[in-house]
Amino acid sequence: MKLNAGSFCHLEQNKTHRLAHQTHQCSNLPRNRPLSIARNHMILKRLPRGAGWMMYSYLAGFALQGAYFVLLARALGADDYGIFVGALSLVTIFASVSGLGAGNVLVLKTSRDSDQYRTQLGTAYVYIAATFLPLAVAAVLFTQWLAPAVAFALIPLLLSELVFTRAYDVGLQSFQAHDELKGVAHLNVCAAALRVALVGVFLLVGAQGALSWAWFYAGSTIAIAIGVLIICAVRFGGPRIDRQSIRSTWRLGTFFALGMSSRILVNDSDKFILAGSGRTAEAGQYGAAHRLINMAFAPLQAITYSLNTQLFRAGVGGYSAVWRVLSRVLPVAAGYVLVAIAALWALAPVAVLILGPGYELVGVILPLLSLMLVGQTGTYFFGDALMGLGKQGVRSICQAVVGVLVLVLNALLTPTYGWIAAAYIGIGASLLLALLLSMIFTSGALAERRRRESS
């Protein structure tokens, strides 16, 4: 989830191990058998604490990432910022497929059986290594076809994003799988602080341009990922290579990867098409506004991230068990979205002043893009609920269909109509995907209820 990432977000070990032992056999329970009341109570009771650590991660990271974003945007200027954002967005789509979703499978299997961890870790590493070269070639060819203007900034990002960012994500998922969200939070805050320090070094040495920053960015990503992997190896153990797991895991993992890549395609295809079509200054301003939207969504992302292992466990008990987890947070999420949209409308002129000359369009783009928060909320919560129920395939297919639709519409309309087309396509896509996923969840819940009433 995807985790995204995209992204720098994950240690009470005794309590975690007790919970892991109590849910050790979850994967062997029949699908229609509810979780026990005591177990559900324990899972739900843990939610506020996990969400609290992730909220700390996002709020502390909010200030750090805000500083990083403002410094970088001002240092590069709208044109070069647009080129960097376009190149990174394009590579991120391919990076989401790297590893074939093995990190998500690691979370699912380890959350149900902690003995699976080292085997799933080894499988994840094998998949990341195996997918690097074909994805790198595909990314280069895709760039030459659809976004040639950002090609020169692409090379430094290929290794860092396709290998080391994905390895970093697996490291965070290792903490998440063990319900140690405190560790996730601290690692994310440290990573965000390192990014801020890196921008400072970039400014001090007098470096300039998108290409120079791409090399700085790639170097820091590699260093962060290696540090996280060492921490995980010391804390949870090293990888174990298992051929059976390698042969069987890719089927489930592919659905996770498809869902993540489709989600990123929906969110980011507009940026690299804007930049790739020569609208680099416009892409920089649009990318800056989009970054502020992502920062505004961060608290809700913190909640959904902390819910993942609970939803995997509750999913064994069916829709009703998942809904008990989900219904606790949806009212809070809805209230937050309304407040966030109002704040973004009110603070849009302030954002322009902070970003400086060349970012005047942000004041117009930001209020419009704030409507995406509605669709993103529905997509994340109901999408993760379906994932917890084992319906990742259905979720991924919906995301893929919408993602392809977004790519086609952006390719046809955005080079001509610019950010206006990109904004309306993005808003419409987020609302459509949220509607599809919520309808699928609701129909499944109603069908389950009818079966129980008739039995």
Protein backbone atom coordinates (compact mmCIF):
# COMPACT_ATOMS: atom_id res chain seq x y z
CA MET A 1 0.00 0.00 0.00
CA LYS A 2 1.70 1.66 -1.37
CA LEU A 3 2.41 2.20 0.37
CA ASN A 4 3.82 4.50 -2.22
CA ALA A 5 4.99 5.38 -1.01
CA GLY A 6 6.11 7.35 -3.11
CA SER A 7 7.36 8.08 0.15
CA PHE A 8 9.09 8.28 3.56
CA CYS A 9 6.92 7.16 6.24
CA HIS A 10 7.61 2.35 10.37
CA LEU A 11 9.25 -1.10 18.75
CA GLU A 12 7.16 -2.76 21.85
CA GLN A 13 8.42 -6.21 20.89
CA ASN A 14 6.93 -8.30 23.67
CA LYS A 15 3.40 -7.04 23.05
CA THR A 16 3.84 -7.46 19.32
CA HIS A 17 5.00 -11.06 19.65
CA ARG A 18 2.05 -11.90 21.89
CA LEU A 19 -0.34 -10.52 19.29
CA ALA A 20 1.48 -12.37 16.53
CA HIS A 21 1.16 -15.68 18.42
CA GLN A 22 -2.54 -15.10 19.00
CA THR A 23 -3.10 -14.53 15.28
CA HIS A 24 -0.56 -17.13 14.16
CA GLN A 25 -3.17 -19.45 12.66
CA CYS A 26 -5.38 -16.80 11.07
CA SER A 27 -4.50 -17.83 7.56
CA ASN A 28 -5.83 -21.34 8.25
CA LEU A 29 -9.28 -20.22 9.37
CA PRO A 30 -12.23 -20.63 7.00
CA ARG A 31 -13.18 -17.44 5.18
CA ASN A 32 -16.71 -17.38 6.62
CA ARG A 33 -15.66 -17.91 10.22
CA PRO A 34 -15.72 -14.70 12.29
CA LEU A 35 -12.78 -13.73 14.44
CA SER A 36 -13.43 -14.14 18.14
CA ILE A 37 -14.82 -11.17 20.02
CA ALA A 38 -11.74 -11.04 22.21
CA ARG A 39 -9.39 -11.03 19.25
CA ASN A 40 -11.37 -8.36 17.42
CA HIS A 41 -11.39 -6.27 20.58
CA MET A 42 -7.62 -6.61 20.86
CA ILE A 43 -7.07 -5.63 17.22
CA LEU A 44 -9.32 -2.60 17.48
CA LYS A 45 -7.80 -1.59 20.80
CA ARG A 46 -4.36 -1.47 19.21
CA LEU A 47 -5.53 0.79 16.38
CA PRO A 48 -5.28 4.19 18.10
CA ARG A 49 -1.75 3.50 19.26
CA GLY A 50 -0.54 2.40 15.83
CA ALA A 51 -2.32 5.30 14.18
CA GLY A 52 -0.78 7.62 16.76
CA TRP A 53 2.76 6.59 15.82
CA MET A 54 2.00 7.01 12.13
CA MET A 55 0.37 10.36 12.84
CA TYR A 56 3.55 11.43 14.62
CA SER A 57 5.51 10.27 11.60
CA TYR A 58 3.42 12.27 9.18
CA LEU A 59 3.11 15.38 11.33
CA ALA A 60 6.82 15.52 12.14
CA GLY A 61 7.55 14.65 8.56
CA PHE A 62 5.08 17.34 7.48
CA ALA A 63 7.32 20.11 8.76
CA LEU A 64 10.48 18.46 7.43
CA GLN A 65 9.01 17.60 4.05
CA GLY A 66 7.48 21.06 3.85
CA ALA A 67 10.89 22.61 4.38
CA TYR A 68 12.41 20.21 1.84
CA PHE A 69 9.72 20.98 -0.72
CA VAL A 70 9.94 24.77 -0.37
CA LEU A 71 13.75 24.84 -0.43
CA LEU A 72 13.92 22.53 -3.44
CA ALA A 73 11.20 24.34 -5.38
CA ARG A 74 12.92 27.68 -4.85
CA ALA A 75 16.39 26.27 -5.57
CA LEU A 76 15.40 24.68 -8.88
CA GLY A 77 12.79 27.10 -10.13
CA ALA A 78 9.55 26.08 -11.81
CA ASP A 79 11.20 24.77 -15.01
CA ASP A 80 13.82 22.50 -13.46
CA TYR A 81 11.46 21.46 -10.67
CA GLY A 82 8.97 20.42 -13.34
CA ILE A 83 11.62 18.34 -15.12
CA PHE A 84 12.68 16.60 -11.90
CA VAL A 85 9.10 15.94 -10.80
CA GLY A 86 8.24 14.62 -14.26
CA ALA A 87 11.23 12.25 -14.34
CA LEU A 88 10.64 11.03 -10.79
CA SER A 89 6.92 10.50 -11.43
CA LEU A 90 7.65 8.41 -14.50
CA VAL A 91 10.28 6.25 -12.79
CA THR A 92 8.00 5.83 -9.76
CA ILE A 93 5.36 4.13 -11.91
CA PHE A 94 7.87 1.47 -12.97
CA ALA A 95 9.35 1.28 -9.46
CA SER A 96 5.94 0.33 -8.10
CA VAL A 97 6.16 -2.89 -10.15
CA SER A 98 9.70 -3.63 -8.97
CA GLY A 99 9.67 -6.63 -6.65
CA LEU A 100 6.23 -7.70 -7.91
CA GLY A 101 4.48 -6.62 -4.72
CA ALA A 102 6.55 -9.00 -2.56
CA GLY A 103 6.73 -6.42 0.24
CA ASN A 104 2.95 -6.41 0.54
CA VAL A 105 2.91 -10.21 0.58
CA LEU A 106 5.53 -10.05 3.34
CA VAL A 107 3.18 -7.90 5.44
CA LEU A 108 0.20 -10.18 4.80
CA LYS A 109 1.96 -13.45 5.59
CA THR A 110 4.09 -12.19 8.49
CA SER A 111 1.12 -10.47 10.17
CA ARG A 112 -0.58 -13.89 10.25
CA ASP A 113 2.50 -16.02 10.91
CA SER A 114 5.72 -14.36 12.12
CA ASP A 115 7.77 -17.43 11.14
CA GLN A 116 7.16 -16.51 7.49
CA TYR A 117 9.15 -13.29 7.73
CA ARG A 118 12.66 -14.35 6.71
CA THR A 119 11.40 -16.45 3.81
CA GLN A 120 9.25 -13.62 2.48
CA LEU A 121 12.12 -11.16 2.92
CA GLY A 122 14.39 -13.33 0.79
CA THR A 123 11.68 -13.65 -1.83
CA ALA A 124 11.26 -9.86 -1.93
CA TYR A 125 14.99 -9.33 -2.50
CA VAL A 126 15.06 -11.89 -5.32
CA TYR A 127 12.11 -10.26 -7.07
CA ILE A 128 13.61 -6.77 -6.78
CA ALA A 129 16.88 -7.94 -8.34
CA ALA A 130 15.13 -9.91 -11.09
CA THR A 131 12.84 -7.08 -12.19
CA PHE A 132 15.42 -4.28 -12.27
CA LEU A 133 16.85 -4.65 -15.77
CA PRO A 134 13.59 -5.20 -17.71
CA LEU A 135 11.91 -2.33 -15.87
CA ALA A 136 14.86 0.01 -16.47
CA VAL A 137 14.78 -0.74 -20.19
CA ALA A 138 11.00 -0.27 -20.30
CA ALA A 139 11.27 3.06 -18.45
CA VAL A 140 13.84 4.40 -20.91
CA LEU A 141 11.78 3.35 -23.94
CA PHE A 142 8.58 4.77 -22.43
CA THR A 143 10.33 8.07 -21.74
CA GLN A 144 11.58 8.38 -25.30
CA TRP A 145 8.05 7.76 -26.56
CA LEU A 146 5.93 9.89 -24.24
CA ALA A 147 8.15 12.30 -22.27
CA PRO A 148 11.48 12.93 -24.04
CA ALA A 149 11.96 16.32 -22.36
CA VAL A 150 12.70 14.62 -19.00
CA ALA A 151 14.94 11.84 -20.33
CA PHE A 152 18.25 13.44 -19.30
CA ALA A 153 17.22 13.45 -15.62
CA LEU A 154 16.06 9.83 -15.71
CA ILE A 155 19.31 7.84 -15.49
CA PRO A 156 20.31 8.68 -11.87
CA LEU A 157 16.81 7.77 -10.70
CA LEU A 158 16.59 4.33 -12.31
CA LEU A 159 18.91 2.52 -9.88
CA SER A 160 17.81 4.47 -6.81
CA GLU A 161 14.07 4.04 -7.39
CA LEU A 162 13.84 0.61 -9.03
CA VAL A 163 16.16 -1.05 -6.49
CA PHE A 164 16.89 1.02 -3.39
CA THR A 165 13.58 2.80 -2.87
CA ARG A 166 11.82 -0.55 -3.20
CA ALA A 167 14.30 -2.10 -0.76
CA TYR A 168 13.65 0.81 1.62
CA ASP A 169 9.93 0.13 1.37
CA VAL A 170 10.50 -3.55 2.18
CA GLY A 171 12.44 -2.43 5.25
CA LEU A 172 9.53 -0.30 6.44
CA GLN A 173 7.12 -3.13 5.66
CA SER A 174 9.25 -5.39 7.86
CA PHE A 175 8.48 -3.16 10.83
CA GLN A 176 4.84 -2.87 9.78
CA ALA A 177 4.48 -6.65 9.49
CA HIS A 178 5.68 -6.99 13.10
CA ASP A 179 3.24 -4.25 14.26
CA GLU A 180 6.19 -2.05 15.23
CA LEU A 181 4.90 1.21 13.78
CA LYS A 182 7.04 3.18 16.21
CA GLY A 183 10.06 2.04 14.24
CA VAL A 184 8.40 3.02 10.96
CA ALA A 185 7.66 6.47 12.31
CA HIS A 186 11.21 7.12 13.51
CA LEU A 187 12.76 5.89 10.26
CA ASN A 188 10.49 8.10 8.19
CA VAL A 189 11.27 11.18 10.26
CA CYS A 190 15.01 10.50 10.00
CA ALA A 191 14.72 10.04 6.23
CA ALA A 192 12.81 13.32 5.88
CA ALA A 193 15.43 15.14 7.98
CA LEU A 194 18.18 13.76 5.78
CA ARG A 195 16.41 15.10 2.70
CA VAL A 196 16.26 18.59 4.21
CA ALA A 197 19.97 18.44 5.06
CA LEU A 198 20.70 17.28 1.51
CA VAL A 199 18.93 20.27 -0.02
CA GLY A 200 21.03 22.47 2.27
CA VAL A 201 24.21 20.85 0.96
CA PHE A 202 22.93 21.24 -2.60
CA LEU A 203 22.50 24.98 -2.04
CA LEU A 204 25.81 25.40 -0.18
CA VAL A 205 27.92 23.80 -2.90
CA GLY A 206 26.21 25.94 -5.54
CA ALA A 207 24.80 23.04 -7.56
CA GLN A 208 22.08 23.84 -10.04
CA GLY A 209 19.58 22.18 -12.33
CA ALA A 210 17.37 19.10 -12.40
CA LEU A 211 20.16 16.72 -13.40
CA SER A 212 22.46 17.74 -10.53
CA TRP A 213 19.63 17.34 -8.03
CA ALA A 214 18.69 13.95 -9.51
CA TRP A 215 22.20 12.68 -8.67
CA PHE A 216 21.99 14.14 -5.14
CA TYR A 217 18.58 12.58 -4.66
CA ALA A 218 19.67 9.17 -5.94
CA GLY A 219 22.75 9.11 -3.69
CA SER A 220 20.73 9.92 -0.57
CA THR A 221 18.13 7.27 -1.46
CA ILE A 222 20.80 4.59 -1.74
CA ALA A 223 22.34 5.59 1.62
CA ILE A 224 18.95 5.62 3.40
CA ALA A 225 17.94 2.24 1.99
CA ILE A 226 21.20 0.55 3.00
CA GLY A 227 20.86 1.91 6.54
CA VAL A 228 17.27 0.65 6.89
CA LEU A 229 18.16 -2.80 5.55
CA ILE A 230 20.98 -3.14 8.09
CA ILE A 231 18.62 -2.17 10.92
CA CYS A 232 16.04 -4.74 9.77
CA ALA A 233 18.64 -7.49 9.48
CA VAL A 234 19.82 -6.86 13.06
CA ARG A 235 16.30 -6.58 14.49
CA PHE A 236 14.31 -9.23 12.63
CA GLY A 237 16.90 -11.45 10.95
CA GLY A 238 18.35 -11.78 7.49
CA PRO A 239 16.65 -13.15 4.38
CA ARG A 240 16.15 -16.83 3.70
CA ILE A 241 15.91 -17.98 0.09
CA ASP A 242 13.11 -20.47 -0.50
CA ARG A 243 12.47 -21.67 -4.04
CA GLN A 244 8.91 -22.70 -3.32
CA SER A 245 8.08 -19.23 -2.05
CA ILE A 246 9.73 -17.64 -5.09
CA ARG A 247 7.68 -19.84 -7.43
CA SER A 248 4.35 -19.25 -5.68
CA THR A 249 4.42 -15.71 -4.29
CA TRP A 250 4.48 -13.82 -7.58
CA ARG A 251 0.82 -14.54 -8.33
CA LEU A 252 -0.50 -12.73 -5.28
CA GLY A 253 2.26 -10.13 -5.37
CA THR A 254 1.50 -9.22 -8.96
CA PHE A 255 -1.96 -8.03 -7.94
CA PHE A 256 -0.43 -5.83 -5.26
CA ALA A 257 2.07 -4.43 -7.78
CA LEU A 258 -0.66 -3.88 -10.34
CA GLY A 259 -2.76 -1.99 -7.81
CA MET A 260 0.14 0.17 -6.68
CA SER A 261 1.34 0.98 -10.19
CA SER A 262 -2.20 1.81 -11.25
CA ARG A 263 -2.64 4.10 -8.26
CA ILE A 264 0.59 5.92 -9.10
CA LEU A 265 -0.43 6.07 -12.76
CA VAL A 266 -3.64 7.83 -11.73
CA ASN A 267 -1.76 10.28 -9.49
CA ASP A 268 1.41 10.96 -11.48
CA SER A 269 0.95 10.41 -15.22
CA ASP A 270 -0.21 14.00 -15.64
CA LYS A 271 3.10 15.35 -14.28
CA PHE A 272 5.46 13.55 -16.62
CA ILE A 273 3.19 14.17 -19.62
CA LEU A 274 3.04 17.89 -18.79
CA ALA A 275 6.83 18.07 -18.43
CA GLY A 276 7.50 15.72 -21.31
CA SER A 277 5.40 17.79 -23.70
CA GLY A 278 7.55 20.87 -23.06
CA ARG A 279 5.30 22.53 -20.45
CA THR A 280 8.05 22.32 -17.82
CA ALA A 281 7.20 25.54 -15.93
CA GLU A 282 3.53 24.56 -15.84
CA ALA A 283 4.49 21.05 -14.73
CA GLY A 284 6.59 22.50 -11.92
CA GLN A 285 3.70 24.59 -10.61
CA TYR A 286 1.20 21.76 -11.03
CA GLY A 287 3.61 19.38 -9.31
CA ALA A 288 4.05 21.84 -6.43
CA ALA A 289 0.28 22.10 -5.94
CA HIS A 290 -0.04 18.31 -6.12
CA ARG A 291 2.68 17.96 -3.50
CA LEU A 292 0.68 20.17 -1.13
CA ILE A 293 -2.38 17.97 -1.71
CA ASN A 294 -0.32 14.90 -0.80
CA MET A 295 0.88 16.62 2.36
CA ALA A 296 -2.71 17.47 3.28
CA PHE A 297 -3.69 13.80 2.80
CA ALA A 298 -0.81 12.62 5.01
CA PRO A 299 -2.85 12.23 8.26
CA LEU A 300 -5.36 9.97 6.50
CA GLN A 301 -2.50 8.01 4.98
CA ALA A 302 -1.16 7.53 8.49
CA ILE A 303 -4.47 5.98 9.56
CA THR A 304 -4.76 3.68 6.54
CA TYR A 305 -1.15 2.56 6.96
CA SER A 306 -1.70 1.68 10.59
CA LEU A 307 -4.85 -0.24 9.64
CA ASN A 308 -3.21 -2.65 7.19
CA THR A 309 -2.28 -5.50 9.51
CA GLN A 310 -5.57 -5.16 11.41
CA LEU A 311 -7.51 -5.42 8.15
CA PHE A 312 -5.53 -8.49 7.08
CA ARG A 313 -6.46 -10.22 10.32
CA ALA A 314 -10.02 -9.00 10.46
CA GLY A 315 -10.50 -10.04 6.84
CA VAL A 316 -10.48 -13.68 7.93
CA GLY A 317 -13.80 -12.96 9.66
CA GLY A 318 -15.44 -11.50 6.57
CA TYR A 319 -16.97 -8.17 5.68
CA SER A 320 -18.58 -7.56 9.06
CA ALA A 321 -15.27 -7.89 10.89
CA VAL A 322 -13.56 -5.56 8.42
CA TRP A 323 -16.38 -3.04 8.69
CA ARG A 324 -16.00 -2.94 12.49
CA VAL A 325 -12.40 -1.80 11.95
CA LEU A 326 -13.26 0.58 9.14
CA SER A 327 -16.30 2.24 10.72
CA ARG A 328 -14.25 3.50 13.64
CA VAL A 329 -12.18 5.80 11.45
CA LEU A 330 -14.40 6.79 8.52
CA PRO A 331 -16.30 9.55 10.40
CA VAL A 332 -12.99 11.07 11.51
CA ALA A 333 -11.67 10.87 7.96
CA ALA A 334 -14.75 12.56 6.51
CA GLY A 335 -14.53 15.41 9.01
CA TYR A 336 -10.85 15.90 8.32
CA VAL A 337 -11.41 16.06 4.55
CA LEU A 338 -13.90 18.92 4.91
CA VAL A 339 -11.52 20.88 7.13
CA ALA A 340 -8.55 20.20 4.84
CA ILE A 341 -10.39 21.37 1.70
CA ALA A 342 -11.43 24.61 3.42
CA ALA A 343 -7.86 25.18 4.63
CA LEU A 344 -6.37 24.61 1.18
CA TRP A 345 -8.76 27.12 -0.38
CA ALA A 346 -7.95 29.71 2.29
CA LEU A 347 -4.17 29.20 2.28
CA ALA A 348 -3.59 28.98 -1.48
CA PRO A 349 -2.38 32.62 -1.72
CA VAL A 350 0.00 32.01 1.17
CA ALA A 351 1.50 29.03 -0.67
CA VAL A 352 2.30 31.28 -3.64
CA LEU A 353 4.10 33.77 -1.38
CA ILE A 354 6.16 31.01 0.25
CA LEU A 355 7.16 29.34 -3.02
CA GLY A 356 8.17 32.63 -4.60
CA PRO A 357 8.29 33.96 -8.16
CA GLY A 358 7.35 31.55 -10.92
CA TYR A 359 4.71 29.70 -8.87
CA GLU A 360 1.74 32.06 -9.33
CA LEU A 361 -0.45 29.33 -10.86
CA VAL A 362 -0.33 27.36 -7.58
CA GLY A 363 -2.91 29.76 -6.14
CA VAL A 364 -5.36 28.71 -8.85
CA ILE A 365 -4.48 25.02 -9.10
CA LEU A 366 -4.45 24.21 -5.38
CA PRO A 367 -8.13 24.94 -4.54
CA LEU A 368 -9.27 22.87 -7.53
CA LEU A 369 -7.02 19.92 -6.73
CA SER A 370 -8.22 19.92 -3.11
CA LEU A 371 -11.35 18.12 -4.34
CA MET A 372 -9.16 15.07 -4.97
CA LEU A 373 -9.05 14.50 -1.21
CA VAL A 374 -12.62 13.19 -1.35
CA GLY A 375 -11.80 10.54 -3.93
CA GLN A 376 -8.47 9.63 -2.36
CA THR A 377 -10.15 8.98 1.00
CA GLY A 378 -12.69 6.58 -0.48
CA THR A 379 -10.05 4.88 -2.62
CA TYR A 380 -7.63 4.25 0.24
CA PHE A 381 -10.10 3.11 2.90
CA PHE A 382 -12.34 0.89 0.79
CA GLY A 383 -9.40 -0.33 -1.30
CA ASP A 384 -7.49 -1.41 1.81
CA ALA A 385 -10.66 -3.03 3.18
CA LEU A 386 -10.94 -5.16 0.05
CA MET A 387 -7.24 -5.99 0.33
CA GLY A 388 -7.77 -7.20 3.88
CA LEU A 389 -10.59 -9.45 2.64
CA GLY A 390 -8.31 -11.07 0.09
CA LYS A 391 -9.97 -9.20 -2.80
CA GLN A 392 -6.74 -7.62 -3.98
CA GLY A 393 -7.36 -8.88 -7.50
CA VAL A 394 -10.68 -7.04 -7.79
CA ARG A 395 -9.16 -3.90 -6.32
CA SER A 396 -6.18 -4.05 -8.66
CA ILE A 397 -8.34 -4.56 -11.75
CA CYS A 398 -10.40 -1.47 -10.86
CA GLN A 399 -7.24 0.55 -10.32
CA ALA A 400 -5.72 -0.70 -13.57
CA VAL A 401 -8.79 0.17 -15.63
CA VAL A 402 -8.94 3.68 -14.18
CA GLY A 403 -5.16 4.07 -14.49
CA VAL A 404 -5.13 3.20 -18.19
CA LEU A 405 -8.07 5.54 -18.76
CA VAL A 406 -6.19 8.36 -17.03
CA LEU A 407 -3.02 7.72 -19.06
CA VAL A 408 -4.93 7.77 -22.34
CA LEU A 409 -6.86 10.94 -21.47
CA ASN A 410 -3.72 12.71 -20.29
CA ALA A 411 -1.82 11.70 -23.42
CA LEU A 412 -4.64 13.02 -25.61
CA LEU A 413 -5.66 16.20 -23.75
CA THR A 414 -2.90 17.41 -21.43
CA PRO A 415 -0.31 18.41 -24.09
CA THR A 416 -2.95 20.70 -25.63
CA TYR A 417 -4.95 21.97 -22.65
CA GLY A 418 -2.26 21.81 -19.99
CA TRP A 419 -2.83 21.68 -16.26
CA ILE A 420 -6.60 22.30 -16.54
CA ALA A 421 -7.09 19.00 -18.36
CA ALA A 422 -4.72 17.22 -15.96
CA ALA A 423 -6.60 18.55 -12.92
CA TYR A 424 -10.07 17.57 -14.09
CA ILE A 425 -8.88 14.16 -15.25
CA GLY A 426 -7.25 13.56 -11.85
CA ILE A 427 -10.31 14.66 -9.87
CA GLY A 428 -12.68 12.59 -11.99
CA ALA A 429 -10.47 9.52 -11.79
CA SER A 430 -10.16 9.68 -7.99
CA LEU A 431 -13.94 9.98 -7.57
CA LEU A 432 -14.63 7.18 -10.07
CA LEU A 433 -12.22 4.79 -8.38
CA ALA A 434 -13.61 5.59 -4.93
CA LEU A 435 -17.13 4.93 -6.18
CA LEU A 436 -16.19 1.60 -7.77
CA LEU A 437 -14.35 0.29 -4.69
CA SER A 438 -17.06 1.40 -2.23
CA MET A 439 -19.77 -0.22 -4.37
CA ILE A 440 -17.85 -3.49 -4.57
CA PHE A 441 -17.32 -3.52 -0.79
CA THR A 442 -20.96 -2.66 -0.09
CA SER A 443 -22.33 -5.32 -2.45
CA GLY A 444 -20.06 -7.94 -0.89
CA ALA A 445 -21.15 -6.95 2.62
CA LEU A 446 -24.84 -7.16 1.67
CA ALA A 447 -24.33 -10.57 0.04
CA GLU A 448 -22.57 -11.86 3.15
CA ARG A 449 -25.40 -10.57 5.34
CA ARG A 450 -28.03 -12.31 3.22
CA ARG A 451 -26.11 -15.58 3.40
CA ARG A 452 -25.93 -15.40 7.18
CA GLU A 453 -29.61 -14.55 7.52
CA SER A 454 -30.63 -17.44 5.30
CA SER A 455 -28.43 -20.00 7.08
